[in-house]
C-alpha atoms as a PDB file:
ATOM      1  CA  MET A   1     108.152   8.765  40.738  1.00  0.00           C
ATOM      2  CA  PHE A   2     111.777   8.735  39.254  1.00  0.00           C
ATOM      3  CA  ARG A   3     113.088  10.857  41.527  1.00  0.00           C
ATOM      4  CA  LYS A   4     111.545   9.204  45.218  1.00  0.00           C
ATOM      5  CA  PHE A   5     113.188   5.491  43.214  1.00  0.00           C
ATOM      6  CA  LEU A   6     116.873   7.391  42.469  1.00  0.00           C
ATOM      7  CA  LEU A   7     117.219   8.834  46.519  1.00  0.00           C
ATOM      8  CA  ALA A   8     116.266   6.004  47.789  1.00  0.00           C
ATOM      9  CA  CYS A   9     118.701   4.326  45.661  1.00  0.00           C
ATOM     10  CA  MET A  10     121.491   6.916  46.624  1.00  0.00           C
ATOM     11  CA  VAL A  11     120.417   5.774  50.691  1.00  0.00           C
ATOM     12  CA  LEU A  12     120.006   1.770  50.298  1.00  0.00           C
ATOM     13  CA  ALA A  13     123.960   2.295  48.490  1.00  0.00           C
ATOM     14  CA  THR A  14     125.319   4.715  51.875  1.00  0.00           C
ATOM     15  CA  PHE A  15     124.161   2.854  54.344  1.00  0.00           C
ATOM     16  CA  THR A  16     125.239  -1.234  52.504  1.00  0.00           C
ATOM     17  CA  ILE A  17     128.934   0.324  51.304  1.00  0.00           C
ATOM     18  CA  GLN A  18     131.399  -1.835  53.474  1.00  0.00           C
ATOM     19  CA  THR A  19     134.753  -0.860  54.208  1.00  0.00           C
ATOM     20  CA  GLN A  20     137.685  -4.008  55.379  1.00  0.00           C
ATOM     21  CA  ALA A  21     138.940  -3.335  58.251  1.00  0.00           C
ATOM     22  CA  ILE A  22     141.286  -6.012  59.787  1.00  0.00           C
ATOM     23  CA  SER A  23     142.768  -6.831  63.584  1.00  0.00           C
ATOM     24  CA  ILE A  24     145.852  -8.400  64.909  1.00  0.00           C
ATOM     25  CA  ASN A  25     143.401 -11.202  65.789  1.00  0.00           C
ATOM     26  CA  GLU A  26     142.195 -11.832  62.471  1.00  0.00           C
ATOM     27  CA  LEU A  27     145.372 -11.843  60.426  1.00  0.00           C
ATOM     28  CA  ASN A  28     146.772 -14.745  62.981  1.00  0.00           C
ATOM     29  CA  SER A  29     144.314 -16.274  63.780  1.00  0.00           C
ATOM     30  CA  SER A  30     142.343 -16.796  59.511  1.00  0.00           C
ATOM     31  CA  PRO A  31     143.991 -19.443  56.784  1.00  0.00           C
ATOM     32  CA  GLN A  32     143.689 -16.303  54.296  1.00  0.00           C
ATOM     33  CA  PHE A  33     146.249 -14.391  55.902  1.00  0.00           C
ATOM     34  CA  LYS A  34     149.860 -16.087  55.844  1.00  0.00           C
ATOM     35  CA  ASN A  35     152.911 -15.045  57.638  1.00  0.00           C
ATOM     36  CA  VAL A  36     155.081 -15.066  55.632  1.00  0.00           C
ATOM     37  CA  TYR A  37     158.162 -12.845  57.217  1.00  0.00           C
ATOM     38  CA  GLU A  38     159.331 -11.759  60.689  1.00  0.00           C
ATOM     39  CA  LYS A  39     161.477  -8.920  61.777  1.00  0.00           C
ATOM     40  CA  THR A  40     162.514  -7.957  65.370  1.00  0.00           C
ATOM     41  CA  TYR A  41     165.169  -5.236  65.869  1.00  0.00           C
ATOM     42  CA  SER A  42     166.804  -4.935  69.700  1.00  0.00           C
ATOM     43  CA  TYR A  43     167.483  -1.727  71.035  1.00  0.00           C
ATOM     44  CA  ASP A  44     170.940  -0.826  73.510  1.00  0.00           C
ATOM     45  CA  ASP A  45     167.636   0.211  76.072  1.00  0.00           C
ATOM     46  CA  ASN A  46     167.033  -3.609  75.664  1.00  0.00           C
ATOM     47  CA  SER A  47     163.745  -2.340  74.079  1.00  0.00           C
ATOM     48  CA  SER A  48     162.595  -3.669  70.456  1.00  0.00           C
ATOM     49  CA  ASN A  49     160.562  -3.299  67.913  1.00  0.00           C
ATOM     50  CA  ARG A  50     158.985  -5.728  65.690  1.00  0.00           C
ATOM     51  CA  ASP A  51     157.695  -6.154  62.290  1.00  0.00           C
ATOM     52  CA  VAL A  52     155.407  -9.055  61.061  1.00  0.00           C
ATOM     53  CA  PHE A  53     154.209  -8.965  57.130  1.00  0.00           C
ATOM     54  CA  PHE A  54     151.583 -11.497  56.540  1.00  0.00           C
ATOM     55  CA  LEU A  55     149.612 -12.014  52.828  1.00  0.00           C
ATOM     56  CA  ASN A  56     146.455 -12.816  51.607  1.00  0.00           C
ATOM     57  CA  THR A  57     146.445 -15.452  50.338  1.00  0.00           C
ATOM     58  CA  TYR A  58     142.664 -15.456  48.865  1.00  0.00           C
ATOM     59  CA  SER A  59     144.241 -11.675  46.627  1.00  0.00           C
ATOM     60  CA  VAL A  60     146.392 -13.320  45.053  1.00  0.00           C
ATOM     61  CA  GLU A  61     145.821 -12.715  41.232  1.00  0.00           C
ATOM     62  CA  SER A  62     148.070 -13.083  37.664  1.00  0.00           C
ATOM     63  CA  LEU A  63     148.362 -10.261  35.460  1.00  0.00           C
ATOM     64  CA  GLU A  64     150.254 -11.356  33.160  1.00  0.00           C
ATOM     65  CA  TYR A  65     151.561 -15.179  32.494  1.00  0.00           C
ATOM     66  CA  ALA A  66     154.102 -15.596  29.310  1.00  0.00           C
ATOM     67  CA  ALA A  67     156.830 -17.831  30.422  1.00  0.00           C
ATOM     68  CA  PRO A  68     159.597 -16.564  31.566  1.00  0.00           C
ATOM     69  CA  HIS A  69     157.646 -13.153  32.401  1.00  0.00           C
ATOM     70  CA  TYR A  70     155.387 -13.376  35.234  1.00  0.00           C
ATOM     71  CA  LYS A  71     153.329 -10.452  36.890  1.00  0.00           C
ATOM     72  CA  LEU A  72     151.494 -11.294  40.070  1.00  0.00           C
ATOM     73  CA  LYS A  73     149.302  -8.484  42.691  1.00  0.00           C
ATOM     74  CA  GLY A  74     147.925  -9.406  45.918  1.00  0.00           C
ATOM     75  CA  ILE A  75     147.711  -7.956  49.096  1.00  0.00           C
ATOM     76  CA  ILE A  76     149.784  -7.685  52.063  1.00  0.00           C
ATOM     77  CA  TYR A  77     150.028  -6.468  55.594  1.00  0.00           C
ATOM     78  CA  SER A  78     152.450  -4.771  57.524  1.00  0.00           C
ATOM     79  CA  VAL A  79     152.081  -5.226  61.552  1.00  0.00           C
ATOM     80  CA  SER A  80     154.550  -2.795  63.608  1.00  0.00           C
ATOM     81  CA  GLU A  81     154.588  -4.015  66.918  1.00  0.00           C
ATOM     82  CA  ARG A  82     156.497  -0.718  69.003  1.00  0.00           C
ATOM     83  CA  ALA A  83     157.420  -0.121  72.329  1.00  0.00           C
ATOM     84  CA  ARG A  84     154.433   1.742  72.697  1.00  0.00           C
ATOM     85  CA  ASP A  85     152.187   1.067  70.008  1.00  0.00           C
ATOM     86  CA  TRP A  86     151.135  -1.359  66.889  1.00  0.00           C
ATOM     87  CA  ALA A  87     150.125  -0.453  63.458  1.00  0.00           C
ATOM     88  CA  ILE A  88     148.587  -2.074  60.758  1.00  0.00           C
ATOM     89  CA  THR A  89     149.811  -1.053  56.721  1.00  0.00           C
ATOM     90  CA  GLU A  90     147.674  -2.829  54.588  1.00  0.00           C
ATOM     91  CA  TYR A  91     149.016  -2.839  50.976  1.00  0.00           C
ATOM     92  CA  GLU A  92     148.779  -3.316  47.597  1.00  0.00           C
ATOM     93  CA  LEU A  93     151.776  -5.181  46.055  1.00  0.00           C
ATOM     94  CA  THR A  94     152.164  -6.514  42.293  1.00  0.00           C
ATOM     95  CA  ALA A  95     155.440  -7.870  41.903  1.00  0.00           C
ATOM     96  CA  THR A  96     157.260  -8.443  37.698  1.00  0.00           C
ATOM     97  CA  TYR A  97     159.232 -12.162  37.496  1.00  0.00           C
ATOM     98  CA  ASP A  98     161.683 -12.759  35.129  1.00  0.00           C
ATOM     99  CA  THR A  99     162.423 -16.615  35.884  1.00  0.00           C
ATOM    100  CA  ASN A 100     165.755 -16.173  33.822  1.00  0.00           C
ATOM    101  CA  TYR A 101     166.772 -14.911  36.745  1.00  0.00           C
ATOM    102  CA  SER A 102     166.401 -17.471  39.187  1.00  0.00           C
ATOM    103  CA  LEU A 103     169.196 -19.320  40.614  1.00  0.00           C
ATOM    104  CA  ALA A 104     168.093 -22.189  39.548  1.00  0.00           C
ATOM    105  CA  SER A 105     168.092 -20.407  35.789  1.00  0.00           C
ATOM    106  CA  LEU A 106     171.226 -18.484  37.001  1.00  0.00           C
ATOM    107  CA  ILE A 107     173.095 -21.644  38.139  1.00  0.00           C
ATOM    108  CA  GLN A 108     171.828 -23.634  34.683  1.00  0.00           C
ATOM    109  CA  ALA A 109     173.397 -21.109  32.673  1.00  0.00           C
ATOM    110  CA  GLN A 110     176.776 -20.957  34.432  1.00  0.00           C
ATOM    111  CA  LYS A 111     176.408 -24.978  34.186  1.00  0.00           C
ATOM    112  CA  SER A 112     176.384 -24.745  29.881  1.00  0.00           C
ATOM    113  CA  VAL A 113     179.471 -21.845  29.890  1.00  0.00           C
ATOM    114  CA  LYS A 114     181.340 -24.011  31.708  1.00  0.00           C
ATOM    115  CA  PRO A 115     181.136 -27.243  33.220  1.00  0.00           C
ATOM    116  CA  SER A 116     182.078 -26.575  36.936  1.00  0.00           C
ATOM    117  CA  PRO A 117     180.363 -22.929  37.409  1.00  0.00           C
ATOM    118  CA  ALA A 118     182.558 -20.763  39.726  1.00  0.00           C
ATOM    119  CA  MET A 119     179.658 -19.935  42.886  1.00  0.00           C
ATOM    120  CA  TYR A 120     180.746 -16.438  42.903  1.00  0.00           C
ATOM    121  CA  ALA A 121     180.158 -16.038  39.272  1.00  0.00           C
ATOM    122  CA  VAL A 122     176.523 -17.238  40.159  1.00  0.00           C
ATOM    123  CA  ILE A 123     176.168 -14.603  43.559  1.00  0.00           C
ATOM    124  CA  LYS A 124     177.177 -12.328  42.116  1.00  0.00           C
ATOM    125  CA  ALA A 125     174.653 -12.459  39.438  1.00  0.00           C
ATOM    126  CA  ALA A 126     171.849 -12.794  41.244  1.00  0.00           C
ATOM    127  CA  GLN A 127     173.061 -10.254  43.475  1.00  0.00           C
ATOM    128  CA  ASP A 128     173.385  -7.824  40.445  1.00  0.00           C
ATOM    129  CA  ASP A 129     169.964  -8.601  38.854  1.00  0.00           C
ATOM    130  CA  SER A 130     167.292 -10.756  41.630  1.00  0.00           C
ATOM    131  CA  GLY A 131     164.712 -11.121  38.348  1.00  0.00           C
ATOM    132  CA  ILE A 132     162.348  -8.830  40.153  1.00  0.00           C
ATOM    133  CA  GLN A 133     160.346  -5.595  40.728  1.00  0.00           C
ATOM    134  CA  ILE A 134     157.938  -4.644  42.229  1.00  0.00           C
ATOM    135  CA  GLU A 135     155.136  -1.825  42.752  1.00  0.00           C
ATOM    136  CA  LEU A 136     154.082  -1.572  46.292  1.00  0.00           C
ATOM    137  CA  GLN A 137     151.326   1.101  47.071  1.00  0.00           C
ATOM    138  CA  ALA A 138     150.068   1.646  50.901  1.00  0.00           C
ATOM    139  CA  VAL A 139     145.987   1.378  51.133  1.00  0.00           C
ATOM    140  CA  LYS A 140     145.128   1.811  54.755  1.00  0.00           C
ATOM    141  CA  ARG A 141     146.561   2.266  58.033  1.00  0.00           C
ATOM    142  CA  TYR A 142     144.184   0.238  61.363  1.00  0.00           C
ATOM    143  CA  THR A 143     145.571   0.188  64.840  1.00  0.00           C
ATOM    144  CA  TRP A 144     146.238  -3.227  66.259  1.00  0.00           C
ATOM    145  CA  ASP A 145     141.717  -4.368  66.949  1.00  0.00           C
ATOM    146  CA  GLY A 146     140.808  -2.793  62.777  1.00  0.00           C
ATOM    147  CA  THR A 147     139.706   1.276  63.380  1.00  0.00           C
ATOM    148  CA  VAL A 148     140.538   2.558  60.315  1.00  0.00           C
ATOM    149  CA  VAL A 149     142.961   5.163  60.721  1.00  0.00           C
ATOM    150  CA  ASN A 150     142.676   7.400  59.259  1.00  0.00           C
ATOM    151  CA  SER A 151     146.204  10.390  58.458  1.00  0.00           C
ATOM    152  CA  PRO A 152     147.256  13.634  56.539  1.00  0.00           C
ATOM    153  CA  ALA A 153     150.471  11.697  56.060  1.00  0.00           C
ATOM    154  CA  ARG A 154     151.022  10.561  52.594  1.00  0.00           C
ATOM    155  CA  LEU A 155     150.861   7.319  52.269  1.00  0.00           C
ATOM    156  CA  LEU A 156     153.683   4.892  50.519  1.00  0.00           C
ATOM    157  CA  HIS A 157     154.117   4.781  47.312  1.00  0.00           C
ATOM    158  CA  GLN A 158     157.067   3.154  45.353  1.00  0.00           C
ATOM    159  CA  SER A 159     158.879   0.854  42.180  1.00  0.00           C
ATOM    160  CA  ARG A 160     161.806  -0.335  41.636  1.00  0.00           C
ATOM    161  CA  PRO A 161     163.349  -3.803  41.350  1.00  0.00           C
ATOM    162  CA  LEU A 162     164.223  -5.814  44.126  1.00  0.00           C
ATOM    163  CA  ASP A 163     168.018  -6.035  45.676  1.00  0.00           C
ATOM    164  CA  ARG A 164     168.737 -10.067  46.977  1.00  0.00           C
ATOM    165  CA  SER A 165     170.853  -7.699  50.111  1.00  0.00           C
ATOM    166  CA  ARG A 166     169.307  -7.770  53.737  1.00  0.00           C
ATOM    167  CA  SER A 167     167.309  -4.514  52.981  1.00  0.00           C
ATOM    168  CA  ASP A 168     165.152  -6.401  50.155  1.00  0.00           C
ATOM    169  CA  GLN A 169     164.992 -10.037  52.349  1.00  0.00           C
ATOM    170  CA  ASP A 170     160.822  -8.854  53.490  1.00  0.00           C
ATOM    171  CA  LEU A 171     160.013  -8.110  50.492  1.00  0.00           C
ATOM    172  CA  PHE A 172     161.490 -11.117  48.435  1.00  0.00           C
ATOM    173  CA  ALA A 173     160.348 -13.144  50.757  1.00  0.00           C
ATOM    174  CA  ILE A 174     156.801 -11.732  49.663  1.00  0.00           C
ATOM    175  CA  ALA A 175     157.486 -11.695  46.363  1.00  0.00           C
ATOM    176  CA  ASP A 176     157.938 -15.428  46.610  1.00  0.00           C
ATOM    177  CA  ALA A 177     155.313 -16.400  48.606  1.00  0.00           C
ATOM    178  CA  MET A 178     152.538 -14.929  46.355  1.00  0.00           C
ATOM    179  CA  PHE A 179     154.775 -16.467  43.426  1.00  0.00           C
ATOM    180  CA  VAL A 180     154.049 -20.106  46.316  1.00  0.00           C
ATOM    181  CA  VAL A 181     150.623 -19.043  46.129  1.00  0.00           C
ATOM    182  CA  ALA A 182     150.012 -18.934  41.712  1.00  0.00           C
ATOM    183  CA  TYR A 183     152.228 -21.493  40.221  1.00  0.00           C
ATOM    184  CA  GLN A 184     152.852 -23.922  43.983  1.00  0.00           C
ATOM    185  CA  GLN A 185     156.686 -23.497  43.505  1.00  0.00           C
ATOM    186  CA  HIS A 186     159.846 -21.131  45.068  1.00  0.00           C
ATOM    187  CA  PHE A 187     160.974 -18.205  42.166  1.00  0.00           C
ATOM    188  CA  ASP A 188     164.596 -19.218  42.942  1.00  0.00           C
ATOM    189  CA  ASP A 189     163.166 -23.083  42.185  1.00  0.00           C
ATOM    190  CA  ILE A 190     162.756 -22.259  38.492  1.00  0.00           C
ATOM    191  CA  VAL A 191     164.759 -23.304  35.694  1.00  0.00           C
ATOM    192  CA  VAL A 192     164.579 -21.407  32.197  1.00  0.00           C
ATOM    193  CA  LYS A 193     166.314 -23.382  29.104  1.00  0.00           C
END
């Protein structure tokens, strides 16, 4: 009798496991997903590629709140539109923020040292350390219609500080959007006194 019960539980568990597939239509139409960054690459042969990043606003959760240090975790989707196909990649992003390095904090610190801050010094300090460290882990890949792609290719995993340069504009915009969802304020607007 007990074995039949366990067998029945295993069968039920097997058939009730849900997979959360995502399609481009759902990303564009659901208020749960916020388009936080778009980038288009144009080429000499008049072709172009486009990357669009969506934040699942319902997935943003606070892992650490000890001002001036914050840590947030959320799910983002990267939609890559190429000449011949579309691909959607789901990522789990964990961002650690140090608001001592927000632009507002850097400007405030510069004003306290010198009455009229040299903007060059503020810009240099902001470029040296953005105040945001990320850990990015690719979770799944999908086709444009939401079909999960089973690929032997390794999924991306990286952990590093963000740079304010063009190379990290997309990740900086996503980390800032997560901060806005959690705290209703942009990261660079926070002043640490």
